[in-house]
Amino acid sequence: MSEQPGVVKSADRVLAVFDLLADRGPLSFTDISAALALPKSSTHNLLNTMCARGYLERGQKEFRLGIRIWQLAQHCTEVEHLRHALRPVMEKLCAATTETVQLAILDGTNAVYLDIVESPHPVKLTSNVGARLSAHASAVGKVLLAGLDPAEARRRLTGVPLERLTEHTITTVDGLLTELALTRERGYGVDGEEFTIGLRCLAMPVRDWTGRTVVGLSVSMPTPRYSAQIAQAALDELRAAVAEAATRLGAR
């Protein structure tokens, strides 16, 4: 783990454990110590303390997030409000497009899935609520970044590695900022196999009454089911969905 000025080392380590287990699932003591580059003695004391407080659970060979995390999450009322308010919109959009629909929020330079309605097709995008993905390589991430002031978007992205996930991924800040300007202009974001080969995605922002982008709503489909005609139909359905979603969130 690299240390940053002004960061409390012990607290940073606790949060790093949470992020690691949330991203990769249950892991062994050795895997956690190696992934976070921590001494084994420090890792042992840290994990024991977190288990004692209920934030982690210890299995026979691995550690996982504990019930206390779930209890704390229940107090995050804004997320539950968004999920409850927009779930009917997502289900309607999925029924209209027969493709997977995702609801995401921006966290730094990552998009975090708040809710997912899966396509009825056997071949489809599958993911998990709470999953994080790099915003630069996803349609929903782009609309969320595009909702920021351009100067703020540049500030967040500067110094952040934009990983090349496929040959189509945008990997420079200037290139991504140009894409974000285009996203703002046309009103929707596109993932043309930038995150995963064989997967395409379209997304639009959902704004509140102030015009602030609150969440992003997206439709994802395998490339073999994608065409210009299908994309236009999906955009039409998305446009109607985000209008309904904004009304549900109290937009004027």
Protein backbone atom coordinates (compact mmCIF):
# COMPACT_ATOMS: atom_id res chain seq x y z
CA MET A 1 0.00 0.00 0.00
CA SER A 2 1.29 3.46 -0.89
CA GLU A 3 0.85 6.06 1.82
CA GLN A 4 -0.42 9.59 1.11
CA PRO A 5 0.24 12.77 3.09
CA GLY A 6 -2.40 13.51 5.70
CA VAL A 7 -3.75 9.94 5.69
CA VAL A 8 -4.09 8.04 8.99
CA LYS A 9 -2.27 4.80 8.23
CA SER A 10 -4.30 2.51 10.47
CA ALA A 11 -7.63 3.85 9.21
CA ASP A 12 -6.44 3.63 5.62
CA ARG A 13 -5.57 -0.03 6.11
CA VAL A 14 -9.02 -0.84 7.49
CA LEU A 15 -10.70 0.82 4.53
CA ALA A 16 -8.34 -0.93 2.12
CA VAL A 17 -9.44 -4.29 3.55
CA PHE A 18 -13.08 -3.35 2.99
CA ASP A 19 -12.40 -2.32 -0.61
CA LEU A 20 -10.39 -5.45 -1.31
CA LEU A 21 -12.99 -7.91 0.02
CA ALA A 22 -15.84 -6.00 -1.63
CA ASP A 23 -14.03 -6.20 -4.96
CA ARG A 24 -12.65 -9.75 -4.83
CA GLY A 25 -14.83 -11.57 -2.33
CA PRO A 26 -13.62 -13.82 0.52
CA LEU A 27 -9.82 -14.11 0.70
CA SER A 28 -7.27 -15.94 2.80
CA PHE A 29 -4.99 -14.24 5.30
CA THR A 30 -2.05 -14.68 2.93
CA ASP A 31 -3.93 -13.21 -0.02
CA ILE A 32 -5.00 -10.14 1.97
CA SER A 33 -1.50 -9.54 3.30
CA ALA A 34 -0.01 -9.87 -0.19
CA ALA A 35 -2.63 -7.76 -1.96
CA LEU A 36 -2.20 -4.87 0.48
CA ALA A 37 1.58 -5.32 0.84
CA LEU A 38 1.29 -5.41 4.62
CA PRO A 39 3.53 -7.24 7.10
CA LYS A 40 1.92 -10.46 8.31
CA SER A 41 2.06 -9.37 11.96
CA SER A 42 0.21 -6.13 11.17
CA THR A 43 -2.31 -7.95 8.99
CA HIS A 44 -2.97 -10.50 11.76
CA ASN A 45 -3.74 -7.82 14.37
CA LEU A 46 -5.80 -5.77 11.93
CA LEU A 47 -8.01 -8.67 10.82
CA ASN A 48 -8.48 -9.91 14.39
CA THR A 49 -9.68 -6.46 15.47
CA MET A 50 -12.09 -6.19 12.54
CA CYS A 51 -13.49 -9.65 13.27
CA ALA A 52 -13.91 -8.82 16.96
CA ARG A 53 -16.02 -5.76 16.03
CA GLY A 54 -18.15 -7.74 13.56
CA TYR A 55 -16.89 -5.98 10.44
CA LEU A 56 -15.29 -9.19 9.16
CA GLU A 57 -16.17 -12.85 9.54
CA ARG A 58 -13.54 -15.58 9.67
CA GLY A 59 -14.20 -18.87 7.91
CA GLN A 60 -12.00 -21.95 7.99
CA LYS A 61 -9.49 -20.51 5.53
CA GLU A 62 -10.74 -17.08 4.53
CA PHE A 63 -12.12 -13.75 5.64
CA ARG A 64 -15.30 -12.10 4.33
CA LEU A 65 -17.24 -8.92 5.06
CA GLY A 66 -19.26 -9.21 8.27
CA ILE A 67 -22.84 -8.48 9.25
CA ARG A 68 -21.87 -5.12 10.76
CA ILE A 69 -21.16 -3.80 7.25
CA TRP A 70 -24.71 -4.67 6.19
CA GLN A 71 -26.10 -3.01 9.32
CA LEU A 72 -24.24 0.21 8.56
CA ALA A 73 -25.37 0.11 4.94
CA GLN A 74 -29.01 0.18 6.05
CA HIS A 75 -28.41 3.74 7.26
CA CYS A 76 -27.45 4.87 3.75
CA THR A 77 -30.99 6.05 3.08
CA GLU A 78 -30.23 8.04 -0.08
CA VAL A 79 -29.12 4.91 -1.96
CA GLU A 80 -32.18 2.98 -0.84
CA HIS A 81 -34.40 5.89 -1.87
CA LEU A 82 -32.87 5.87 -5.35
CA ARG A 83 -33.22 2.10 -5.68
CA HIS A 84 -36.83 2.11 -4.51
CA ALA A 85 -37.84 5.09 -6.65
CA LEU A 86 -36.18 3.93 -9.85
CA ARG A 87 -36.64 0.15 -9.75
CA PRO A 88 -40.01 0.31 -11.61
CA VAL A 89 -38.41 2.46 -14.30
CA MET A 90 -35.58 -0.03 -14.71
CA GLU A 91 -37.95 -2.98 -14.96
CA LYS A 92 -40.02 -1.18 -17.60
CA LEU A 93 -36.87 -0.32 -19.57
CA CYS A 94 -35.64 -3.91 -19.41
CA ALA A 95 -39.01 -5.18 -20.63
CA ALA A 96 -38.98 -2.70 -23.53
CA THR A 97 -35.42 -3.46 -24.67
CA THR A 98 -35.07 -7.07 -23.40
CA GLU A 99 -31.54 -6.12 -22.36
CA THR A 100 -29.78 -5.67 -19.02
CA VAL A 101 -30.41 -2.33 -17.31
CA GLN A 102 -28.06 -0.83 -14.72
CA LEU A 103 -28.30 2.08 -12.30
CA ALA A 104 -24.99 3.59 -11.21
CA ILE A 105 -23.56 6.46 -9.19
CA LEU A 106 -20.16 8.14 -9.45
CA ASP A 107 -17.58 7.58 -6.72
CA GLY A 108 -14.38 9.44 -7.54
CA THR A 109 -13.47 8.08 -10.98
CA ASN A 110 -15.45 4.86 -10.60
CA ALA A 111 -19.04 3.99 -11.38
CA VAL A 112 -20.74 1.91 -8.69
CA TYR A 113 -23.79 -0.21 -9.52
CA LEU A 114 -26.73 0.57 -7.24
CA ASP A 115 -29.19 -1.77 -8.94
CA ILE A 116 -29.39 -4.15 -11.92
CA VAL A 117 -32.28 -5.72 -13.84
CA GLU A 118 -30.97 -8.58 -15.95
CA SER A 119 -32.00 -9.37 -19.51
CA PRO A 120 -34.23 -12.43 -20.02
CA HIS A 121 -31.88 -13.62 -22.78
CA PRO A 122 -29.57 -16.56 -21.95
CA VAL A 123 -26.57 -14.56 -23.25
CA LYS A 124 -26.42 -11.25 -21.37
CA LEU A 125 -24.37 -8.96 -19.20
CA THR A 126 -24.17 -10.19 -15.61
CA SER A 127 -22.80 -8.15 -12.74
CA ASN A 128 -23.45 -7.46 -9.07
CA VAL A 129 -24.95 -4.60 -7.11
CA GLY A 130 -22.07 -2.79 -5.46
CA ALA A 131 -19.60 -3.66 -8.21
CA ARG A 132 -17.21 -0.86 -9.17
CA LEU A 133 -15.93 -0.24 -12.67
CA SER A 134 -13.60 2.37 -14.09
CA ALA A 135 -15.78 5.18 -15.38
CA HIS A 136 -13.51 5.93 -18.35
CA ALA A 137 -14.32 2.60 -20.02
CA SER A 138 -18.09 2.43 -19.55
CA ALA A 139 -21.05 4.29 -21.02
CA VAL A 140 -22.65 4.88 -17.62
CA GLY A 141 -19.32 6.05 -16.22
CA LYS A 142 -18.93 8.54 -19.05
CA VAL A 143 -22.33 10.13 -18.49
CA LEU A 144 -21.55 10.44 -14.79
CA LEU A 145 -18.17 12.05 -15.47
CA ALA A 146 -19.79 14.26 -18.11
CA GLY A 147 -22.13 15.54 -15.38
CA LEU A 148 -19.15 17.14 -13.65
CA ASP A 149 -17.78 20.56 -14.48
CA PRO A 150 -15.01 19.94 -17.07
CA ALA A 151 -12.39 21.41 -14.73
CA GLU A 152 -13.52 19.08 -11.94
CA ALA A 153 -13.48 16.12 -14.32
CA ARG A 154 -9.89 16.94 -15.32
CA ARG A 155 -8.88 17.33 -11.68
CA ARG A 156 -10.27 13.91 -10.77
CA LEU A 157 -8.75 12.18 -13.77
CA THR A 158 -5.27 13.75 -13.63
CA GLY A 159 -2.80 11.23 -12.27
CA VAL A 160 -5.30 8.36 -12.39
CA PRO A 161 -4.17 5.48 -14.64
CA LEU A 162 -6.75 4.93 -17.39
CA GLU A 163 -6.26 1.21 -17.88
CA ARG A 164 -6.49 -0.17 -21.40
CA LEU A 165 -9.09 -2.92 -21.00
CA THR A 166 -9.54 -3.53 -24.74
CA GLU A 167 -8.08 -2.08 -27.93
CA HIS A 168 -10.97 0.42 -27.97
CA THR A 169 -10.44 1.87 -24.47
CA ILE A 170 -9.64 5.57 -24.19
CA THR A 171 -6.44 5.84 -22.15
CA THR A 172 -5.53 9.55 -22.12
CA VAL A 173 -7.12 12.30 -20.07
CA ASP A 174 -7.36 14.65 -23.04
CA GLY A 175 -8.94 11.94 -25.18
CA LEU A 176 -11.45 11.14 -22.45
CA LEU A 177 -12.32 14.81 -21.87
CA THR A 178 -13.02 15.13 -25.60
CA GLU A 179 -15.31 12.10 -25.34
CA LEU A 180 -17.05 13.62 -22.32
CA ALA A 181 -17.70 16.84 -24.25
CA LEU A 182 -19.29 14.77 -27.02
CA THR A 183 -21.32 12.88 -24.42
CA ARG A 184 -22.68 16.16 -23.01
CA GLU A 185 -23.49 17.44 -26.49
CA ARG A 186 -25.46 14.42 -27.68
CA GLY A 187 -26.96 13.59 -24.27
CA TYR A 188 -25.83 9.98 -23.97
CA GLY A 189 -22.72 7.88 -23.45
CA VAL A 190 -21.45 4.98 -25.53
CA ASP A 191 -19.30 1.97 -24.70
CA GLY A 192 -18.21 0.42 -27.99
CA GLU A 193 -16.46 -2.64 -26.58
CA GLU A 194 -14.23 -0.40 -24.47
CA PHE A 195 -14.80 -2.34 -21.25
CA THR A 196 -15.15 -5.86 -22.67
CA ILE A 197 -14.93 -7.21 -26.20
CA GLY A 198 -18.34 -8.49 -27.24
CA LEU A 199 -20.31 -6.05 -25.07
CA ARG A 200 -21.86 -2.69 -25.98
CA CYS A 201 -23.65 -0.22 -23.78
CA LEU A 202 -25.64 3.02 -24.02
CA ALA A 203 -26.33 5.30 -21.05
CA MET A 204 -28.02 8.57 -20.12
CA PRO A 205 -27.88 10.77 -17.00
CA VAL A 206 -30.75 11.15 -14.57
CA ARG A 207 -30.84 14.71 -13.19
CA ASP A 208 -32.56 16.23 -10.19
CA TRP A 209 -34.54 19.48 -10.10
CA THR A 210 -31.31 21.54 -10.03
CA GLY A 211 -30.02 19.89 -13.19
CA ARG A 212 -27.35 17.98 -11.29
CA THR A 213 -26.58 14.48 -12.54
CA VAL A 214 -27.58 12.14 -9.71
CA VAL A 215 -27.24 8.71 -11.30
CA GLY A 216 -26.72 7.11 -14.69
CA LEU A 217 -29.07 4.62 -16.35
CA SER A 218 -27.72 2.22 -18.96
CA VAL A 219 -28.72 -0.57 -21.32
CA SER A 220 -26.11 -3.24 -22.14
CA MET A 221 -26.21 -5.90 -24.82
CA PRO A 222 -23.90 -8.42 -26.49
CA THR A 223 -22.38 -7.19 -29.76
CA PRO A 224 -24.15 -9.86 -31.86
CA ARG A 225 -27.53 -8.33 -30.86
CA TYR A 226 -26.34 -4.77 -31.53
CA SER A 227 -27.12 -2.75 -34.65
CA ALA A 228 -27.71 0.90 -35.48
CA GLN A 229 -31.46 0.30 -35.53
CA ILE A 230 -31.47 -1.49 -32.18
CA ALA A 231 -29.22 1.18 -30.69
CA GLN A 232 -31.64 3.93 -31.77
CA ALA A 233 -34.59 2.02 -30.34
CA ALA A 234 -32.71 1.56 -27.06
CA LEU A 235 -31.88 5.28 -26.95
CA ASP A 236 -35.54 6.15 -27.47
CA GLU A 237 -36.52 3.88 -24.58
CA LEU A 238 -33.68 5.25 -22.43
CA ARG A 239 -34.78 8.82 -23.08
CA ALA A 240 -38.30 8.03 -21.91
CA ALA A 241 -36.94 6.14 -18.90
CA VAL A 242 -34.67 8.95 -17.69
CA ALA A 243 -37.51 11.44 -18.09
CA GLU A 244 -39.70 9.28 -15.86
CA ALA A 245 -36.83 8.73 -13.45
CA ALA A 246 -36.22 12.48 -13.16
CA THR A 247 -39.92 13.02 -12.42
CA ARG A 248 -39.74 10.39 -9.69
CA LEU A 249 -36.77 12.20 -8.18
CA GLY A 250 -38.65 15.49 -8.18
CA ALA A 251 -37.13 17.18 -11.23
CA ARG A 252 -39.05 20.08 -12.71
